[in-house]
Protein backbone atom coordinates (compact mmCIF):
# COMPACT_ATOMS: atom_id res chain seq x y z
CA ASN A 1 161.62 -37.66 -155.91
CA PRO A 2 160.20 -40.85 -154.39
CA LYS A 3 156.83 -40.62 -152.69
CA ILE A 4 156.01 -43.50 -150.34
CA THR A 5 152.50 -43.95 -149.00
CA PRO A 6 152.48 -46.48 -146.17
CA GLY A 7 149.49 -48.70 -145.57
CA ALA A 8 148.97 -50.98 -142.60
CA VAL A 9 151.59 -52.48 -140.29
CA GLU A 10 150.75 -55.91 -138.87
CA PHE A 11 152.58 -57.70 -136.02
CA SER A 12 152.85 -61.39 -135.20
CA ASP A 13 151.12 -62.58 -132.03
CA ASP A 14 154.45 -63.02 -130.23
CA GLY A 15 155.74 -59.58 -131.34
CA THR A 16 158.87 -60.87 -133.10
CA MET A 17 157.81 -60.32 -136.71
CA ALA A 18 155.92 -57.65 -138.62
CA TYR A 19 155.11 -56.56 -142.14
CA ASP A 20 154.15 -53.30 -143.75
CA HIS A 21 152.89 -52.50 -147.21
CA GLY A 22 151.90 -49.54 -149.30
CA THR A 23 152.43 -47.76 -152.59
CA TYR A 24 155.15 -45.66 -154.15
CA GLN A 25 155.66 -43.21 -156.99
CA MET A 26 159.01 -42.10 -158.40
CA THR A 27 160.71 -40.62 -161.43
CA THR A 28 163.90 -42.13 -162.78
CA ALA A 29 166.29 -40.58 -165.28
CA MET A 30 168.85 -42.59 -167.23
CA PRO A 31 171.70 -40.66 -168.88
CA GLY A 32 170.67 -39.56 -172.37
CA LYS A 33 167.04 -40.62 -171.97
CA LYS A 34 163.81 -38.90 -170.98
CA PRO A 35 162.73 -39.30 -167.33
CA THR A 36 160.13 -42.00 -166.70
CA ASN A 37 157.47 -42.16 -164.01
CA GLU A 38 156.76 -45.34 -162.11
CA SER A 39 154.03 -46.25 -159.63
CA GLY A 40 153.84 -49.48 -157.72
CA ALA A 41 153.32 -51.39 -154.51
CA PHE A 42 155.74 -52.66 -151.85
CA LEU A 43 155.85 -55.19 -149.03
CA ASN A 44 158.47 -55.31 -146.25
CA VAL A 45 158.94 -58.11 -143.70
CA TRP A 46 160.65 -57.27 -140.41
CA ARG A 47 162.11 -59.43 -137.60
CA LYS A 48 162.98 -58.29 -134.08
CA VAL A 49 166.57 -59.32 -133.34
CA ASP A 50 168.23 -58.44 -130.02
CA GLY A 51 165.59 -55.77 -129.38
CA GLN A 52 165.97 -54.06 -132.79
CA TRP A 53 163.79 -54.35 -135.90
CA LYS A 54 165.70 -55.69 -138.92
CA LEU A 55 164.38 -55.70 -142.48
CA VAL A 56 164.56 -59.31 -143.70
CA VAL A 57 162.58 -59.17 -146.97
CA GLU A 58 161.72 -56.28 -149.25
CA MET A 59 159.63 -56.59 -152.41
CA SER A 60 158.25 -54.01 -154.79
CA THR A 61 156.53 -54.21 -158.13
CA PRO A 62 155.48 -51.57 -160.61
CA VAL A 63 151.78 -51.25 -161.35
CA THR A 64 150.94 -50.16 -164.86
CA ALA A 65 148.01 -47.94 -165.70
CA PRO A 66 145.05 -49.71 -167.33
CA ARG A 67 144.87 -49.43 -171.11
CA MET A 68 141.96 -47.49 -172.47
């Protein structure tokens, strides 16, 4: 059940590269264990190759809730 919330998309001045970023939420379930919820942020870097956008770098990181 992933939920992806995109943020901004930025393009290079020459139009050959771009990046997008945002947040995600998902639940994972390992066999024999309780499901866990994860929230985090992502960043993707794109390059235009032969007229098509190709994903060249993808990074995501979980963001933990603040302790109270």
